[in-house]
PDB file of all heavy atoms in Angstrom:
ATOM      1  N   ASN A   1      96.478  84.588 100.064  1.00  0.00           N
ATOM      2  CA  ASN A   1      95.445  84.404 101.080  1.00  0.00           C
ATOM      3  C   ASN A   1      95.996  83.697 102.309  1.00  0.00           C
ATOM      4  O   ASN A   1      95.599  83.992 103.439  1.00  0.00           O
ATOM      5  CB  ASN A   1      94.273  83.611 100.497  1.00  0.00           C
ATOM      6  CG  ASN A   1      93.075  83.605 101.410  1.00  0.00           C
ATOM      7  OD1 ASN A   1      92.544  84.650 101.748  1.00  0.00           O
ATOM      8  ND2 ASN A   1      92.651  82.428 101.846  1.00  0.00           N
ATOM      9  N   LEU A   2      96.925  82.781 102.088  1.00  0.00           N
ATOM     10  CA  LEU A   2      97.583  82.108 103.211  1.00  0.00           C
ATOM     11  C   LEU A   2      98.279  83.131 104.106  1.00  0.00           C
ATOM     12  O   LEU A   2      98.147  83.103 105.342  1.00  0.00           O
ATOM     13  CB  LEU A   2      98.591  81.086 102.685  1.00  0.00           C
ATOM     14  CG  LEU A   2      99.483  80.401 103.723  1.00  0.00           C
ATOM     15  CD1 LEU A   2      98.642  79.493 104.612  1.00  0.00           C
ATOM     16  CD2 LEU A   2     100.580  79.590 103.030  1.00  0.00           C
ATOM     17  N   VAL A   3      99.017  84.049 103.488  1.00  0.00           N
ATOM     18  CA  VAL A   3      99.732  85.071 104.255  1.00  0.00           C
ATOM     19  C   VAL A   3      98.744  86.038 104.900  1.00  0.00           C
ATOM     20  O   VAL A   3      98.882  86.406 106.074  1.00  0.00           O
ATOM     21  CB  VAL A   3     100.720  85.831 103.350  1.00  0.00           C
ATOM     22  CG1 VAL A   3     101.411  86.947 104.129  1.00  0.00           C
ATOM     23  CG2 VAL A   3     101.748  84.867 102.766  1.00  0.00           C
ATOM     24  N   ARG A   4      97.743  86.426 104.140  1.00  0.00           N
ATOM     25  CA  ARG A   4      96.725  87.359 104.646  1.00  0.00           C
ATOM     26  C   ARG A   4      96.056  86.814 105.906  1.00  0.00           C
ATOM     27  O   ARG A   4      95.879  87.513 106.897  1.00  0.00           O
ATOM     28  CB  ARG A   4      95.694  87.598 103.549  1.00  0.00           C
ATOM     29  CG  ARG A   4      94.518  88.459 103.942  1.00  0.00           C
ATOM     30  CD  ARG A   4      93.216  87.676 103.736  1.00  0.00           C
ATOM     31  NE  ARG A   4      92.071  88.546 103.866  1.00  0.00           N
ATOM     32  CZ  ARG A   4      91.493  88.879 105.017  1.00  0.00           C
ATOM     33  NH1 ARG A   4      91.962  88.415 106.158  1.00  0.00           N
ATOM     34  NH2 ARG A   4      90.454  89.660 105.042  1.00  0.00           N
ATOM     35  N   GLU A   5      95.680  85.541 105.877  1.00  0.00           N
ATOM     36  CA  GLU A   5      95.006  84.954 107.038  1.00  0.00           C
ATOM     37  C   GLU A   5      95.989  84.676 108.170  1.00  0.00           C
ATOM     38  O   GLU A   5      95.611  84.702 109.342  1.00  0.00           O
ATOM     39  CB  GLU A   5      94.260  83.693 106.611  1.00  0.00           C
ATOM     40  CG  GLU A   5      93.102  84.014 105.673  1.00  0.00           C
ATOM     41  CD  GLU A   5      92.226  82.823 105.355  1.00  0.00           C
ATOM     42  OE1 GLU A   5      92.589  81.689 105.739  1.00  0.00           O
ATOM     43  OE2 GLU A   5      91.182  83.029 104.710  1.00  0.00           O
ATOM     44  N   ARG A   6      97.235  84.451 107.839  1.00  0.00           N
ATOM     45  CA  ARG A   6      98.253  84.279 108.874  1.00  0.00           C
ATOM     46  C   ARG A   6      98.389  85.560 109.696  1.00  0.00           C
ATOM     47  O   ARG A   6      98.568  85.519 110.908  1.00  0.00           O
ATOM     48  CB  ARG A   6      99.592  83.930 108.213  1.00  0.00           C
ATOM     49  CG  ARG A   6     100.758  83.716 109.170  1.00  0.00           C
ATOM     50  CD  ARG A   6     102.043  83.499 108.386  1.00  0.00           C
ATOM     51  NE  ARG A   6     102.015  82.259 107.631  1.00  0.00           N
ATOM     52  CZ  ARG A   6     102.793  82.000 106.575  1.00  0.00           C
ATOM     53  NH1 ARG A   6     103.641  82.931 106.141  1.00  0.00           N
ATOM     54  NH2 ARG A   6     102.727  80.849 105.947  1.00  0.00           N
ATOM     55  N   TYR A   7      98.309  86.720 109.024  1.00  0.00           N
ATOM     56  CA  TYR A   7      98.493  87.998 109.702  1.00  0.00           C
ATOM     57  C   TYR A   7      97.194  88.549 110.294  1.00  0.00           C
ATOM     58  O   TYR A   7      97.207  89.179 111.344  1.00  0.00           O
ATOM     59  CB  TYR A   7      99.046  89.042 108.730  1.00  0.00           C
ATOM     60  CG  TYR A   7     100.461  88.798 108.259  1.00  0.00           C
ATOM     61  CD1 TYR A   7     100.997  89.571 107.246  1.00  0.00           C
ATOM     62  CD2 TYR A   7     101.264  87.809 108.814  1.00  0.00           C
ATOM     63  CE1 TYR A   7     102.301  89.372 106.797  1.00  0.00           C
ATOM     64  CE2 TYR A   7     102.547  87.594 108.377  1.00  0.00           C
ATOM     65  CZ  TYR A   7     103.058  88.371 107.372  1.00  0.00           C
ATOM     66  OH  TYR A   7     104.335  88.165 106.933  1.00  0.00           O
ATOM     67  N   ASN A   8      96.068  88.372 109.607  1.00  0.00           N
ATOM     68  CA  ASN A   8      94.842  89.066 109.986  1.00  0.00           C
ATOM     69  C   ASN A   8      93.615  88.168 110.121  1.00  0.00           C
ATOM     70  O   ASN A   8      92.490  88.671 110.154  1.00  0.00           O
ATOM     71  CB  ASN A   8      94.553  90.185 108.974  1.00  0.00           C
ATOM     72  CG  ASN A   8      95.546  91.315 109.090  1.00  0.00           C
ATOM     73  OD1 ASN A   8      95.513  92.090 110.031  1.00  0.00           O
ATOM     74  ND2 ASN A   8      96.472  91.398 108.136  1.00  0.00           N
ATOM     75  N   GLY A   9      93.836  86.869 110.162  1.00  0.00           N
ATOM     76  CA  GLY A   9      92.720  85.961 110.369  1.00  0.00           C
ATOM     77  C   GLY A   9      91.658  86.121 109.302  1.00  0.00           C
ATOM     78  O   GLY A   9      91.960  86.268 108.117  1.00  0.00           O
ATOM     79  N   ASN A  10      90.407  86.124 109.723  1.00  0.00           N
ATOM     80  CA  ASN A  10      89.296  86.217 108.780  1.00  0.00           C
ATOM     81  C   ASN A  10      88.635  87.592 108.812  1.00  0.00           C
ATOM     82  O   ASN A  10      87.510  87.759 108.357  1.00  0.00           O
ATOM     83  CB  ASN A  10      88.246  85.136 109.113  1.00  0.00           C
ATOM     84  CG  ASN A  10      87.371  84.827 107.917  1.00  0.00           C
ATOM     85  OD1 ASN A  10      87.819  84.868 106.776  1.00  0.00           O
ATOM     86  ND2 ASN A  10      86.101  84.521 108.167  1.00  0.00           N
ATOM     87  N   PHE A  11      89.350  88.588 109.331  1.00  0.00           N
ATOM     88  CA  PHE A  11      88.775  89.922 109.451  1.00  0.00           C
ATOM     89  C   PHE A  11      88.907  90.711 108.148  1.00  0.00           C
ATOM     90  O   PHE A  11      89.894  90.583 107.417  1.00  0.00           O
ATOM     91  CB  PHE A  11      89.457  90.710 110.574  1.00  0.00           C
ATOM     92  CG  PHE A  11      89.265  90.104 111.937  1.00  0.00           C
ATOM     93  CD1 PHE A  11      90.342  89.932 112.787  1.00  0.00           C
ATOM     94  CD2 PHE A  11      88.010  89.713 112.367  1.00  0.00           C
ATOM     95  CE1 PHE A  11      90.169  89.379 114.045  1.00  0.00           C
ATOM     96  CE2 PHE A  11      87.817  89.160 113.620  1.00  0.00           C
ATOM     97  CZ  PHE A  11      88.909  88.989 114.463  1.00  0.00           C
ATOM     98  N   GLY A  12      87.907  91.546 107.887  1.00  0.00           N
ATOM     99  CA  GLY A  12      87.955  92.517 106.805  1.00  0.00           C
ATOM    100  C   GLY A  12      87.742  93.890 107.402  1.00  0.00           C
ATOM    101  O   GLY A  12      86.663  94.184 107.934  1.00  0.00           O
ATOM    102  N   TYR A  13      88.747  94.740 107.362  1.00  0.00           N
ATOM    103  CA  TYR A  13      88.703  96.024 108.051  1.00  0.00           C
ATOM    104  C   TYR A  13      88.149  97.128 107.153  1.00  0.00           C
ATOM    105  O   TYR A  13      88.310  97.116 105.932  1.00  0.00           O
ATOM    106  CB  TYR A  13      90.114  96.424 108.514  1.00  0.00           C
ATOM    107  CG  TYR A  13      90.758  95.407 109.419  1.00  0.00           C
ATOM    108  CD1 TYR A  13      91.860  94.670 109.001  1.00  0.00           C
ATOM    109  CD2 TYR A  13      90.245  95.168 110.691  1.00  0.00           C
ATOM    110  CE1 TYR A  13      92.462  93.729 109.832  1.00  0.00           C
ATOM    111  CE2 TYR A  13      90.833  94.235 111.527  1.00  0.00           C
ATOM    112  CZ  TYR A  13      91.939  93.510 111.087  1.00  0.00           C
ATOM    113  OH  TYR A  13      92.514  92.582 111.913  1.00  0.00           O
ATOM    114  N   PHE A  14      87.510  98.102 107.799  1.00  0.00           N
ATOM    115  CA  PHE A  14      87.045  99.310 107.113  1.00  0.00           C
ATOM    116  C   PHE A  14      87.009 100.431 108.138  1.00  0.00           C
ATOM    117  O   PHE A  14      87.093 100.196 109.353  1.00  0.00           O
ATOM    118  CB  PHE A  14      85.653  99.102 106.504  1.00  0.00           C
ATOM    119  CG  PHE A  14      84.548  99.006 107.521  1.00  0.00           C
ATOM    120  CD1 PHE A  14      83.799 100.128 107.866  1.00  0.00           C
ATOM    121  CD2 PHE A  14      84.259  97.802 108.147  1.00  0.00           C
ATOM    122  CE1 PHE A  14      82.790 100.042 108.821  1.00  0.00           C
ATOM    123  CE2 PHE A  14      83.244  97.709 109.098  1.00  0.00           C
ATOM    124  CZ  PHE A  14      82.507  98.837 109.438  1.00  0.00           C
ATOM    125  N   ASN A  15      86.913 101.674 107.652  1.00  0.00           N
ATOM    126  CA  ASN A  15      86.750 102.787 108.576  1.00  0.00           C
ATOM    127  C   ASN A  15      85.723 103.782 108.045  1.00  0.00           C
ATOM    128  O   ASN A  15      85.270 103.680 106.900  1.00  0.00           O
ATOM    129  CB  ASN A  15      88.083 103.476 108.883  1.00  0.00           C
ATOM    130  CG  ASN A  15      88.660 104.239 107.702  1.00  0.00           C
ATOM    131  OD1 ASN A  15      88.337 103.982 106.553  1.00  0.00           O
ATOM    132  ND2 ASN A  15      89.545 105.176 107.979  1.00  0.00           N
ATOM    133  N   VAL A  16      85.315 104.707 108.895  1.00  0.00           N
ATOM    134  CA  VAL A  16      84.386 105.769 108.508  1.00  0.00           C
ATOM    135  C   VAL A  16      85.219 107.037 108.380  1.00  0.00           C
ATOM    136  O   VAL A  16      85.758 107.537 109.365  1.00  0.00           O
ATOM    137  CB  VAL A  16      83.264 105.946 109.556  1.00  0.00           C
ATOM    138  CG1 VAL A  16      82.339 107.096 109.163  1.00  0.00           C
ATOM    139  CG2 VAL A  16      82.466 104.651 109.692  1.00  0.00           C
ATOM    140  N   ASN A  17      85.344 107.518 107.162  1.00  0.00           N
ATOM    141  CA  ASN A  17      86.262 108.632 106.916  1.00  0.00           C
ATOM    142  C   ASN A  17      85.687 109.627 105.920  1.00  0.00           C
ATOM    143  O   ASN A  17      84.702 109.357 105.238  1.00  0.00           O
ATOM    144  CB  ASN A  17      87.619 108.123 106.438  1.00  0.00           C
ATOM    145  CG  ASN A  17      87.539 107.371 105.112  1.00  0.00           C
ATOM    146  OD1 ASN A  17      86.468 107.028 104.627  1.00  0.00           O
ATOM    147  ND2 ASN A  17      88.692 107.098 104.524  1.00  0.00           N
ATOM    148  N   THR A  18      86.312 110.775 105.866  1.00  0.00           N
ATOM    149  CA  THR A  18      85.959 111.830 104.925  1.00  0.00           C
ATOM    150  C   THR A  18      87.250 112.421 104.359  1.00  0.00           C
ATOM    151  O   THR A  18      88.245 112.522 105.072  1.00  0.00           O
ATOM    152  CB  THR A  18      85.150 112.948 105.629  1.00  0.00           C
ATOM    153  OG1 THR A  18      83.897 112.423 106.056  1.00  0.00           O
ATOM    154  CG2 THR A  18      84.882 114.120 104.694  1.00  0.00           C
ATOM    155  N   HIS A  19      87.216 112.765 103.079  1.00  0.00           N
ATOM    156  CA  HIS A  19      88.373 113.372 102.429  1.00  0.00           C
ATOM    157  C   HIS A  19      88.215 114.888 102.356  1.00  0.00           C
ATOM    158  O   HIS A  19      87.112 115.397 102.144  1.00  0.00           O
ATOM    159  CB  HIS A  19      88.538 112.835 101.004  1.00  0.00           C
ATOM    160  CG  HIS A  19      89.117 111.455 100.946  1.00  0.00           C
ATOM    161  ND1 HIS A  19      90.014 111.062  99.980  1.00  0.00           N
ATOM    162  CD2 HIS A  19      88.935 110.370 101.731  1.00  0.00           C
ATOM    163  CE1 HIS A  19      90.356 109.798 100.179  1.00  0.00           C
ATOM    164  NE2 HIS A  19      89.703 109.359 101.229  1.00  0.00           N
ATOM    165  N   ILE A  20      89.320 115.573 102.520  1.00  0.00           N
ATOM    166  CA  ILE A  20      89.379 117.015 102.261  1.00  0.00           C
ATOM    167  C   ILE A  20      90.573 117.263 101.340  1.00  0.00           C
ATOM    168  O   ILE A  20      91.702 116.876 101.656  1.00  0.00           O
ATOM    169  CB  ILE A  20      89.549 117.839 103.549  1.00  0.00           C
ATOM    170  CG1 ILE A  20      88.341 117.656 104.475  1.00  0.00           C
ATOM    171  CG2 ILE A  20      89.733 119.318 103.223  1.00  0.00           C
ATOM    172  CD1 ILE A  20      88.442 118.438 105.776  1.00  0.00           C
ATOM    173  N   ASN A  21      90.314 117.882 100.214  1.00  0.00           N
ATOM    174  CA  ASN A  21      91.373 118.302  99.290  1.00  0.00           C
ATOM    175  C   ASN A  21      91.389 119.828  99.303  1.00  0.00           C
ATOM    176  O   ASN A  21      90.631 120.459  98.571  1.00  0.00           O
ATOM    177  CB  ASN A  21      91.115 117.770  97.881  1.00  0.00           C
ATOM    178  CG  ASN A  21      90.863 116.267  97.848  1.00  0.00           C
ATOM    179  OD1 ASN A  21      89.803 115.806  97.436  1.00  0.00           O
ATOM    180  ND2 ASN A  21      91.833 115.496  98.315  1.00  0.00           N
ATOM    181  N   PRO A  22      92.237 120.454 100.145  1.00  0.00           N
ATOM    182  CA  PRO A  22      92.138 121.898 100.385  1.00  0.00           C
ATOM    183  C   PRO A  22      92.281 122.761  99.145  1.00  0.00           C
ATOM    184  O   PRO A  22      91.689 123.843  99.066  1.00  0.00           O
ATOM    185  CB  PRO A  22      93.279 122.165 101.378  1.00  0.00           C
ATOM    186  CG  PRO A  22      93.508 120.850 102.057  1.00  0.00           C
ATOM    187  CD  PRO A  22      93.259 119.823 101.001  1.00  0.00           C
ATOM    188  N   THR A  23      93.087 122.320  98.178  1.00  0.00           N
ATOM    189  CA  THR A  23      93.241 123.076  96.924  1.00  0.00           C
ATOM    190  C   THR A  23      93.627 122.119  95.812  1.00  0.00           C
ATOM    191  O   THR A  23      94.244 121.077  96.063  1.00  0.00           O
ATOM    192  CB  THR A  23      94.303 124.179  97.061  1.00  0.00           C
ATOM    193  OG1 THR A  23      94.420 124.885  95.802  1.00  0.00           O
ATOM    194  CG2 THR A  23      95.666 123.615  97.431  1.00  0.00           C
ATOM    195  N   ASN A  24      93.254 122.482  94.596  1.00  0.00           N
ATOM    196  CA  ASN A  24      93.695 121.694  93.441  1.00  0.00           C
ATOM    197  C   ASN A  24      94.755 122.427  92.619  1.00  0.00           C
ATOM    198  O   ASN A  24      95.234 121.910  91.613  1.00  0.00           O
ATOM    199  CB  ASN A  24      92.515 121.314  92.551  1.00  0.00           C
ATOM    200  CG  ASN A  24      91.806 122.511  91.939  1.00  0.00           C
ATOM    201  OD1 ASN A  24      92.017 123.655  92.345  1.00  0.00           O
ATOM    202  ND2 ASN A  24      90.945 122.256  90.967  1.00  0.00           N
TER     203      ASN A  24
END
C-alpha cells in the first residue's frame, strides 16, 4: 500500500469497456 500510494495516491481507477471474443 505504501508503494501503491506513492505511485497513484488515493485514486482507484476503472473504465467502461466491452469484451469481444471473435471465435472460441
